[in-house]
Amino acid sequence: MGGACASIKSKTVKSKQKNGDNNEKKIPDKENENKDLKDKETNDNQNQKENSPKEITFKIIYKDKEYSEKVKTSEKISHLFTLIKKYQNNKYSEFDLIFEENISLSSKLNEEISEVFKNKEDITLKMLYLGLEISFDIKKEIEISNTLIAQPLFDLGENIGLLIYHKPDNNFTSEILKSQKLSKYNHLSAYCTCKNVLFICGGESKENKGTNNRNYISNFTKIDLFNTETINELPMLEQARAWHSMIFVPPKLIFIIGGDTKTVELFDIERGEINSDSEMNEIRNECTLFCLNDAILYAFSGVSINGNYIKNIEKCNLRAEERKWKIIEIKNNEIQIQNCFYISCFTENSSNIILFAENENENHSYDSLEFEEEEEKGKLKVFNSNMKITDVCPDKTFHPINNNMSILLPLIGNHVSVYYTKKEFELEKKSFPDALKQIYD
């Protein structure tokens, strides 16, 4: 009896295994389930998109003032940043837009407004001023990577000469540039080299040369130093000027200062735009410029409109939203700025600036100075240099070649001599007798 039951049970089990047990639960089809979920999500997103607003009203709060903008949701977040420029006192100032719990929108520039602000119609944003990000490390890195430095030579008729220093080879090439675009420039023009491009602007019209009538020009031109046939005219200066100074502030700005005007202009290399930026307290012709501590632009000395040397210093915080210039009081009256121009050089281990005196010839004996600012006051002391600079230097700053050396290119005659600063700011003078052979032969 037990054997028969066991046999029947065995057959029953085999039968179930063969035919399947209709009472067992079936395993769900996961692929179909996932597909259904995706289809549902797609439909929901589509419905959401169709039902979402086409425009959003943004309330923008800045300095206790409220502005309103209606923006299409199809626009990108970057469009909001374009709109806020009209609220800025200085169009080159840097801002961020903050949403809700300190969420920065600058990290979402390429996202669509509809994705960032889903199903919202009224949004409040706060404008946050960031200032210009100018670090010495960036400045130094860009200047060292700038492999070509140029010195224009004027008074060659309708043409200008070009002396180009090649950093990697520590050598020069020279050539004459024949272009109508350059014919207006002369030794009263200002220039600066950055990113392997030479920028020249302003000067005095040659028609009035040798007369008492001043007719300054507002031309602005750039020359590609890798291909000197590429000469492009830039937007005109807003203020015609001569005897002025230029300085490149990385990564993209050129400040244009002086030239019988207090107005400072700013050229944005990336945008190709020039605009009035700020106003100095004094008119400074041929002043020495230097940017320090990531943001402070100094203007040393210079000559006033009546021809007297200016014995003070002005500074401007470039990170300020509305940039203003301030005259620095010299703390120690026993050492003063002399009747000469200066060439600036940075001391990496401190916040000091070395100002090498420009002695135009051996008969002058002006002292080089070391400048330091303490508690809003300037302090000057004599810097004992091993050598005096006895040349005229329109470019009033040393250019870094590497971490240990900088170079200065004085006004060139038929013979080229340059100055190097080495460790501890010792000067070395070196001659390159064949550097201008292509021009004067």
Protein backbone atom coordinates (compact mmCIF):
# COMPACT_ATOMS: atom_id res chain seq x y z
CA MET A 1 0.00 0.00 0.00
CA GLY A 2 2.80 2.41 0.95
CA GLY A 3 4.68 1.48 -2.29
CA ALA A 4 1.65 2.21 -4.46
CA CYS A 5 1.14 5.60 -2.83
CA ALA A 6 4.77 6.49 -3.35
CA SER A 7 4.49 5.53 -7.03
CA ILE A 8 1.38 7.65 -7.53
CA LYS A 9 3.05 10.62 -5.77
CA SER A 10 6.12 10.30 -7.96
CA LYS A 11 4.03 10.28 -11.15
CA THR A 12 2.08 13.31 -9.93
CA VAL A 13 5.31 15.30 -9.30
CA LYS A 14 6.69 14.40 -12.72
CA SER A 15 3.43 15.39 -14.32
CA LYS A 16 3.58 18.79 -12.62
CA GLN A 17 7.16 19.29 -13.69
CA LYS A 18 6.27 18.44 -17.26
CA ASN A 19 3.06 20.41 -17.61
CA GLY A 20 3.71 23.13 -15.04
CA ASP A 21 1.58 23.96 -12.06
CA ASN A 22 -1.22 26.31 -13.02
CA ASN A 23 -1.47 27.40 -9.39
CA GLU A 24 2.16 28.66 -9.28
CA LYS A 25 2.81 32.44 -9.59
CA LYS A 26 4.35 33.51 -12.88
CA ILE A 27 7.62 35.61 -12.83
CA PRO A 28 6.91 39.17 -14.14
CA ASP A 29 8.49 40.25 -17.44
CA LYS A 30 10.98 42.89 -16.23
CA GLU A 31 11.83 44.13 -19.70
CA ASN A 32 8.21 44.92 -20.49
CA GLU A 33 7.73 46.50 -17.07
CA ASN A 34 10.77 48.78 -17.54
CA LYS A 35 9.55 49.71 -21.01
CA ASP A 36 6.13 50.63 -19.63
CA LEU A 37 7.75 52.79 -16.97
CA LYS A 38 9.91 54.55 -19.54
CA ASP A 39 6.92 55.13 -21.82
CA LYS A 40 4.99 56.55 -18.90
CA GLU A 41 7.90 58.80 -17.92
CA THR A 42 8.27 60.01 -21.49
CA ASN A 43 4.57 60.78 -21.71
CA ASP A 44 4.65 62.55 -18.36
CA ASN A 45 7.63 64.65 -19.45
CA GLN A 46 5.95 65.45 -22.74
CA ASN A 47 2.75 66.46 -20.97
CA GLN A 48 4.75 68.47 -18.45
CA LYS A 49 6.60 70.24 -21.24
CA GLU A 50 3.38 71.00 -23.09
CA ASN A 51 1.76 72.32 -19.92
CA SER A 52 4.83 74.25 -18.65
CA PRO A 53 4.86 78.05 -19.07
CA LYS A 54 6.44 79.52 -22.19
CA GLU A 55 7.80 82.50 -20.25
CA ILE A 56 9.03 83.09 -16.73
CA THR A 57 9.05 86.41 -14.93
CA PHE A 58 12.33 86.91 -13.07
CA LYS A 59 12.61 89.40 -10.23
CA ILE A 60 16.24 90.40 -9.90
CA ILE A 61 17.30 92.02 -6.63
CA TYR A 62 20.46 94.08 -6.52
CA LYS A 63 21.49 96.77 -4.01
CA ASP A 64 17.98 96.95 -2.50
CA LYS A 65 16.52 97.57 -5.93
CA GLU A 66 14.24 95.22 -7.79
CA TYR A 67 14.21 94.65 -11.54
CA SER A 68 11.85 92.53 -13.61
CA GLU A 69 12.53 90.52 -16.75
CA LYS A 70 10.28 88.20 -18.78
CA VAL A 71 12.34 85.47 -20.39
CA LYS A 72 11.39 82.58 -22.68
CA THR A 73 11.84 79.17 -21.06
CA SER A 74 13.53 77.90 -24.21
CA GLU A 75 16.48 80.26 -23.57
CA LYS A 76 19.59 79.10 -21.76
CA ILE A 77 20.65 80.35 -18.34
CA SER A 78 23.50 82.23 -20.05
CA HIS A 79 20.84 84.53 -21.54
CA LEU A 80 19.99 85.77 -18.04
CA PHE A 81 23.60 86.83 -17.53
CA THR A 82 23.47 88.78 -20.79
CA LEU A 83 20.36 90.61 -19.62
CA ILE A 84 21.77 91.72 -16.26
CA LYS A 85 24.64 93.65 -17.87
CA LYS A 86 22.35 96.65 -18.25
CA TYR A 87 22.01 96.88 -14.47
CA GLN A 88 25.77 97.12 -13.91
CA ASN A 89 27.61 100.39 -13.36
CA ASN A 90 30.66 98.80 -14.92
CA LYS A 91 29.90 96.42 -17.78
CA TYR A 92 33.14 94.50 -17.21
CA SER A 93 32.36 93.66 -13.60
CA GLU A 94 31.73 90.00 -12.84
CA PHE A 95 28.42 88.90 -11.29
CA ASP A 96 26.66 85.71 -10.31
CA LEU A 97 22.94 85.03 -9.99
CA ILE A 98 21.84 83.27 -6.79
CA PHE A 99 18.64 81.23 -6.51
CA GLU A 100 16.92 79.93 -3.36
CA GLU A 101 19.39 78.27 -0.98
CA ASN A 102 22.52 79.92 -2.36
CA ILE A 103 22.37 77.99 -5.62
CA SER A 104 24.74 79.58 -8.12
CA LEU A 105 23.43 79.82 -11.67
CA SER A 106 26.90 80.40 -13.14
CA SER A 107 27.40 76.62 -13.00
CA LYS A 108 24.27 76.06 -15.15
CA LEU A 109 24.98 78.40 -18.06
CA ASN A 110 24.37 75.80 -20.78
CA GLU A 111 21.13 74.45 -19.29
CA GLU A 112 17.72 75.56 -20.52
CA ILE A 113 15.66 77.77 -18.24
CA SER A 114 12.77 75.28 -18.49
CA GLU A 115 14.99 72.52 -17.08
CA VAL A 116 16.35 74.54 -14.16
CA PHE A 117 13.02 76.15 -13.20
CA LYS A 118 10.44 73.44 -13.90
CA ASN A 119 6.78 74.51 -13.70
CA LYS A 120 7.64 77.85 -12.11
CA GLU A 121 6.31 81.17 -13.29
CA ASP A 122 7.74 83.71 -10.85
CA ILE A 123 11.39 83.46 -9.76
CA THR A 124 13.41 85.74 -7.49
CA LEU A 125 17.15 85.95 -8.13
CA LYS A 126 19.83 87.88 -6.28
CA MET A 127 22.75 89.48 -8.11
CA LEU A 128 26.07 88.86 -6.38
CA TYR A 129 29.12 90.93 -7.32
CA LEU A 130 32.27 88.83 -7.65
CA GLY A 131 34.83 91.30 -8.96
CA LEU A 132 37.51 90.67 -11.55
CA GLU A 133 39.45 87.48 -10.90
CA ILE A 134 43.04 88.55 -11.52
CA SER A 135 45.62 86.42 -9.76
CA PHE A 136 49.36 86.94 -9.95
CA ASP A 137 49.82 83.24 -10.74
CA ILE A 138 47.57 83.56 -13.79
CA LYS A 139 49.26 86.82 -14.80
CA LYS A 140 52.72 85.30 -14.53
CA GLU A 141 51.71 82.09 -16.31
CA ILE A 142 50.25 84.01 -19.25
CA GLU A 143 53.20 86.39 -19.50
CA ILE A 144 55.76 83.58 -19.39
CA SER A 145 53.82 81.59 -22.01
CA ASN A 146 53.85 84.73 -24.17
CA THR A 147 56.89 83.75 -26.27
CA LEU A 148 57.22 86.93 -28.35
CA ILE A 149 57.75 90.52 -27.15
CA ALA A 150 57.71 93.37 -29.68
CA GLN A 151 59.18 96.85 -29.79
CA PRO A 152 57.88 99.14 -32.60
CA LEU A 153 60.32 101.55 -34.24
CA PHE A 154 58.70 104.72 -35.54
CA ASP A 155 59.88 107.64 -37.68
CA LEU A 156 60.66 105.45 -40.69
CA GLY A 157 58.57 107.47 -43.11
CA GLU A 158 55.16 105.91 -43.75
CA ASN A 159 56.33 102.56 -42.37
CA ILE A 160 57.20 101.29 -38.92
CA GLY A 161 59.93 98.88 -37.92
CA LEU A 162 59.33 95.92 -35.67
CA LEU A 163 61.87 94.36 -33.34
CA ILE A 164 60.68 91.00 -31.98
CA TYR A 165 62.34 89.26 -29.05
CA HIS A 166 62.02 85.44 -29.08
CA LYS A 167 62.06 84.12 -25.52
CA PRO A 168 62.93 80.46 -26.24
CA ASP A 169 66.02 81.43 -28.29
CA ASN A 170 66.93 84.62 -26.39
CA ASN A 171 67.36 86.35 -29.72
CA PHE A 172 65.80 88.93 -32.05
CA THR A 173 64.32 89.26 -35.52
CA SER A 174 63.38 92.56 -37.16
CA GLU A 175 61.47 93.76 -40.19
CA ILE A 176 59.80 96.78 -41.78
CA LEU A 177 56.00 96.74 -41.90
CA LYS A 178 54.54 98.54 -44.91
CA SER A 179 50.86 99.09 -44.22
CA GLN A 180 48.60 102.11 -44.48
CA LYS A 181 46.96 100.93 -41.26
CA LEU A 182 50.17 101.76 -39.37
CA SER A 183 51.09 105.02 -41.09
CA LYS A 184 49.54 107.28 -38.41
CA TYR A 185 51.54 105.92 -35.49
CA ASN A 186 54.65 107.59 -34.08
CA HIS A 187 56.79 107.79 -30.94
CA LEU A 188 53.87 109.47 -29.10
CA SER A 189 51.76 106.32 -29.56
CA ALA A 190 51.48 103.71 -26.80
CA TYR A 191 51.84 99.95 -27.20
CA CYS A 192 51.88 96.69 -25.27
CA THR A 193 52.47 93.04 -26.09
CA CYS A 194 50.22 90.25 -24.85
CA LYS A 195 49.34 86.79 -26.11
CA ASN A 196 51.91 87.16 -28.92
CA VAL A 197 50.09 90.19 -30.32
CA LEU A 198 51.29 93.80 -30.41
CA PHE A 199 48.63 96.44 -29.67
CA ILE A 200 49.30 100.08 -30.69
CA CYS A 201 47.01 103.05 -30.12
CA GLY A 202 46.89 106.85 -30.10
CA GLY A 203 49.64 109.30 -30.92
CA GLU A 204 49.91 112.69 -32.58
CA SER A 205 48.92 113.40 -36.15
CA LYS A 206 51.99 113.85 -38.34
CA GLU A 207 50.36 116.85 -40.03
CA ASN A 208 50.98 118.93 -36.89
CA LYS A 209 54.45 117.65 -36.10
CA GLY A 210 56.74 120.49 -35.04
CA THR A 211 53.89 122.97 -34.44
CA ASN A 212 52.16 124.09 -31.27
CA ASN A 213 48.84 122.61 -32.40
CA ARG A 214 48.06 119.27 -30.79
CA ASN A 215 46.03 116.90 -32.92
CA TYR A 216 45.91 113.57 -31.12
CA ILE A 217 44.56 110.45 -32.84
CA SER A 218 42.30 107.66 -31.64
CA ASN A 219 43.44 104.83 -33.92
CA PHE A 220 43.83 101.38 -32.39
CA THR A 221 45.52 98.45 -34.20
CA LYS A 222 46.82 94.97 -33.45
CA ILE A 223 49.60 93.00 -35.17
CA ASP A 224 49.91 89.21 -35.01
CA LEU A 225 53.57 88.64 -34.12
CA PHE A 226 53.56 85.11 -35.57
CA ASN A 227 52.27 86.47 -38.88
CA THR A 228 53.07 90.18 -39.11
CA GLU A 229 51.09 90.56 -42.34
CA THR A 230 47.96 90.09 -40.23
CA ILE A 231 47.22 93.67 -39.15
CA ASN A 232 43.72 94.44 -37.90
CA GLU A 233 42.20 97.81 -37.07
CA LEU A 234 40.27 97.81 -33.78
CA PRO A 235 37.48 100.10 -32.56
CA MET A 236 38.66 103.70 -32.14
CA LEU A 237 39.55 105.02 -28.69
CA GLU A 238 36.72 107.04 -27.20
CA GLN A 239 39.30 109.70 -26.24
CA ALA A 240 42.08 110.69 -28.63
CA ARG A 241 45.37 110.69 -26.73
CA ALA A 242 49.18 110.74 -26.92
CA TRP A 243 52.00 110.27 -24.39
CA HIS A 244 49.79 107.67 -22.73
CA SER A 245 50.45 104.23 -21.20
CA MET A 246 48.97 100.76 -21.70
CA ILE A 247 49.01 97.68 -19.51
CA PHE A 248 47.73 94.14 -20.12
CA VAL A 249 45.86 92.67 -17.15
CA PRO A 250 45.34 88.92 -17.68
CA PRO A 251 43.45 87.14 -18.84
CA LYS A 252 41.85 89.57 -21.34
CA LEU A 253 41.94 93.28 -20.45
CA ILE A 254 44.07 96.23 -21.59
CA PHE A 255 43.89 99.46 -19.58
CA ILE A 256 44.76 102.68 -21.45
CA ILE A 257 45.77 105.53 -19.16
CA GLY A 258 47.00 109.11 -19.56
CA GLY A 259 47.62 111.28 -22.59
CA ASP A 260 46.28 114.73 -21.66
CA THR A 261 43.12 113.20 -20.20
CA LYS A 262 42.01 111.78 -16.86
CA THR A 263 39.73 109.25 -18.55
CA VAL A 264 40.81 105.60 -18.36
CA GLU A 265 39.68 103.32 -21.17
CA LEU A 266 39.40 99.56 -21.11
CA PHE A 267 39.74 97.22 -24.08
CA ASP A 268 38.37 93.69 -23.80
CA ILE A 269 40.49 91.47 -26.07
CA GLU A 270 37.92 88.67 -26.24
CA ARG A 271 34.92 90.89 -26.97
CA GLY A 272 36.84 93.36 -29.14
CA GLU A 273 35.15 96.25 -27.31
CA ILE A 274 36.57 99.48 -25.88
CA ASN A 275 34.78 101.65 -23.33
CA SER A 276 35.46 104.37 -20.79
CA ASP A 277 36.21 102.69 -17.47
CA SER A 278 37.06 105.22 -14.77
CA GLU A 279 38.66 108.62 -14.16
CA MET A 280 41.94 109.49 -12.51
CA ASN A 281 42.56 112.41 -10.16
CA GLU A 282 45.40 113.83 -12.27
CA ILE A 283 46.39 113.88 -15.92
CA ARG A 284 49.45 111.64 -16.16
CA ASN A 285 51.52 111.43 -19.32
CA GLU A 286 53.95 108.51 -19.66
CA CYS A 287 53.15 107.13 -16.21
CA THR A 288 54.44 103.73 -15.05
CA LEU A 289 51.72 101.11 -14.52
CA PHE A 290 51.77 97.95 -12.44
CA CYS A 291 49.11 95.51 -11.21
CA LEU A 292 49.73 94.08 -7.72
CA ASN A 293 48.09 91.73 -5.23
CA ASP A 294 45.65 90.27 -7.74
CA ALA A 295 43.65 93.47 -8.13
CA ILE A 296 45.35 96.79 -7.37
CA LEU A 297 46.49 98.84 -10.37
CA TYR A 298 49.09 101.50 -9.57
CA ALA A 299 50.07 104.52 -11.68
CA PHE A 300 53.47 105.88 -10.66
CA SER A 301 54.62 109.44 -11.37
CA GLY A 302 54.37 110.66 -14.98
CA VAL A 303 54.38 114.18 -16.38
CA SER A 304 51.59 116.72 -15.95
CA ILE A 305 50.03 118.70 -18.78
CA ASN A 306 52.40 121.63 -18.08
CA GLY A 307 55.46 119.39 -18.37
CA ASN A 308 56.31 118.97 -14.66
CA TYR A 309 57.02 115.56 -13.15
CA ILE A 310 54.21 114.30 -10.90
CA LYS A 311 55.49 113.39 -7.43
CA ASN A 312 52.67 111.12 -6.29
CA ILE A 313 51.04 107.74 -6.95
CA GLU A 314 47.47 106.74 -7.74
CA LYS A 315 45.85 103.37 -7.25
CA CYS A 316 42.60 101.70 -8.28
CA ASN A 317 40.95 98.52 -7.01
CA LEU A 318 40.09 96.64 -10.20
CA ARG A 319 37.67 94.39 -8.34
CA ALA A 320 35.48 97.28 -7.28
CA GLU A 321 32.17 97.37 -9.08
CA GLU A 322 32.55 101.09 -9.72
CA ARG A 323 36.28 101.65 -10.06
CA LYS A 324 37.69 104.81 -8.49
CA TRP A 325 41.26 106.12 -8.35
CA LYS A 326 42.83 107.33 -5.13
CA ILE A 327 46.03 109.32 -4.57
CA ILE A 328 48.36 107.56 -2.14
CA GLU A 329 50.00 109.63 0.54
CA ILE A 330 53.73 108.94 0.88
CA LYS A 331 54.44 107.91 4.46
CA ASN A 332 58.13 108.89 4.63
CA ASN A 333 58.76 112.42 3.37
CA GLU A 334 62.54 112.06 3.30
CA ILE A 335 62.41 109.95 0.13
CA GLN A 336 60.35 111.26 -2.75
CA ILE A 337 59.69 110.51 -6.41
CA GLN A 338 62.36 112.17 -8.55
CA ASN A 339 62.29 114.01 -11.87
CA CYS A 340 62.52 110.84 -13.92
CA PHE A 341 60.47 107.95 -15.25
CA TYR A 342 60.51 104.51 -13.63
CA ILE A 343 60.45 100.92 -14.84
CA SER A 344 58.49 98.53 -12.63
CA CYS A 345 59.50 95.04 -11.56
CA PHE A 346 57.74 92.72 -9.10
CA THR A 347 59.34 91.12 -6.04
CA GLU A 348 57.69 87.72 -5.64
CA ASN A 349 58.52 87.22 -1.98
CA SER A 350 56.69 90.33 -0.80
CA SER A 351 54.14 92.93 -1.81
CA ASN A 352 56.85 95.37 -2.86
CA ILE A 353 57.48 96.82 -6.29
CA ILE A 354 60.96 97.71 -7.51
CA LEU A 355 61.01 100.96 -9.50
CA PHE A 356 64.20 101.19 -11.54
CA ALA A 357 65.00 104.82 -12.30
CA GLU A 358 65.33 105.69 -15.97
CA ASN A 359 68.51 107.76 -16.36
CA GLU A 360 68.40 108.99 -19.93
CA ASN A 361 72.18 109.32 -20.08
CA GLU A 362 75.30 108.93 -17.97
CA ASN A 363 74.99 112.50 -16.63
CA HIS A 364 71.86 111.63 -14.64
CA SER A 365 72.05 109.90 -11.30
CA TYR A 366 68.54 109.10 -10.12
CA ASP A 367 68.06 106.40 -7.49
CA SER A 368 65.93 103.31 -8.01
CA LEU A 369 63.17 102.94 -5.43
CA GLU A 370 61.31 100.20 -3.62
CA PHE A 371 57.60 100.83 -3.04
CA GLU A 372 55.41 99.23 -0.40
CA GLU A 373 51.89 100.12 0.71
CA GLU A 374 51.03 99.97 4.41
CA GLU A 375 47.61 100.87 5.82
CA GLU A 376 46.57 102.94 2.79
CA LYS A 377 49.87 104.86 2.78
CA GLY A 378 52.84 104.43 0.49
CA LYS A 379 56.37 103.88 1.73
CA LEU A 380 59.42 104.51 -0.45
CA LYS A 381 63.02 103.55 0.16
CA VAL A 382 66.12 103.64 -1.99
CA PHE A 383 66.83 100.41 -3.82
CA ASN A 384 70.58 99.97 -4.24
CA SER A 385 70.94 98.53 -7.73
CA ASN A 386 74.21 97.20 -9.10
CA MET A 387 73.66 99.14 -12.34
CA LYS A 388 71.74 102.17 -13.61
CA ILE A 389 69.46 102.08 -16.62
CA THR A 390 70.82 104.70 -19.02
CA ASP A 391 68.31 104.54 -21.85
CA VAL A 392 64.86 105.87 -22.72
CA CYS A 393 62.25 103.16 -22.08
CA PRO A 394 58.75 103.73 -23.55
CA ASP A 395 57.77 100.25 -22.28
CA LYS A 396 58.00 100.86 -18.55
CA THR A 397 57.91 97.34 -17.20
CA PHE A 398 60.13 94.27 -17.23
CA HIS A 399 58.63 91.23 -18.97
CA PRO A 400 59.07 87.79 -17.33
CA ILE A 401 61.10 85.34 -19.41
CA ASN A 402 60.98 82.55 -16.83
CA ASN A 403 60.69 82.22 -13.07
CA ASN A 404 64.11 83.76 -12.48
CA MET A 405 64.60 86.39 -15.15
CA SER A 406 62.84 89.37 -16.81
CA ILE A 407 63.77 91.53 -19.79
CA LEU A 408 63.44 95.23 -20.65
CA LEU A 409 63.60 96.58 -24.21
CA PRO A 410 64.69 100.26 -24.21
CA LEU A 411 64.17 102.71 -27.07
CA ILE A 412 66.12 101.32 -29.97
CA GLY A 413 68.68 103.14 -32.14
CA ASN A 414 70.76 101.30 -34.73
CA HIS A 415 72.16 99.06 -32.01
CA VAL A 416 70.13 96.91 -29.61
CA SER A 417 71.02 96.61 -25.93
CA VAL A 418 68.63 95.07 -23.41
CA TYR A 419 68.50 94.78 -19.64
CA TYR A 420 67.84 91.60 -17.69
CA THR A 421 66.89 91.29 -14.06
CA LYS A 422 68.23 88.19 -12.37
CA LYS A 423 68.11 86.85 -8.83
CA GLU A 424 68.06 89.58 -6.16
CA PHE A 425 67.26 92.05 -8.98
CA GLU A 426 70.77 92.48 -10.21
CA LEU A 427 70.81 94.08 -13.65
CA GLU A 428 72.72 92.75 -16.63
CA LYS A 429 73.08 94.56 -19.93
CA LYS A 430 73.60 92.63 -23.15
CA SER A 431 74.11 93.84 -26.72
CA PHE A 432 72.67 92.38 -29.93
CA PRO A 433 74.53 94.25 -32.69
CA ASP A 434 72.82 92.48 -35.61
CA ALA A 435 69.25 92.63 -34.31
CA LEU A 436 68.20 95.51 -36.58
CA LYS A 437 70.11 94.41 -39.64
CA GLN A 438 66.94 93.74 -41.66
CA ILE A 439 65.76 97.32 -41.03
CA TYR A 440 68.82 99.50 -41.41
CA ASP A 441 70.86 97.60 -44.00
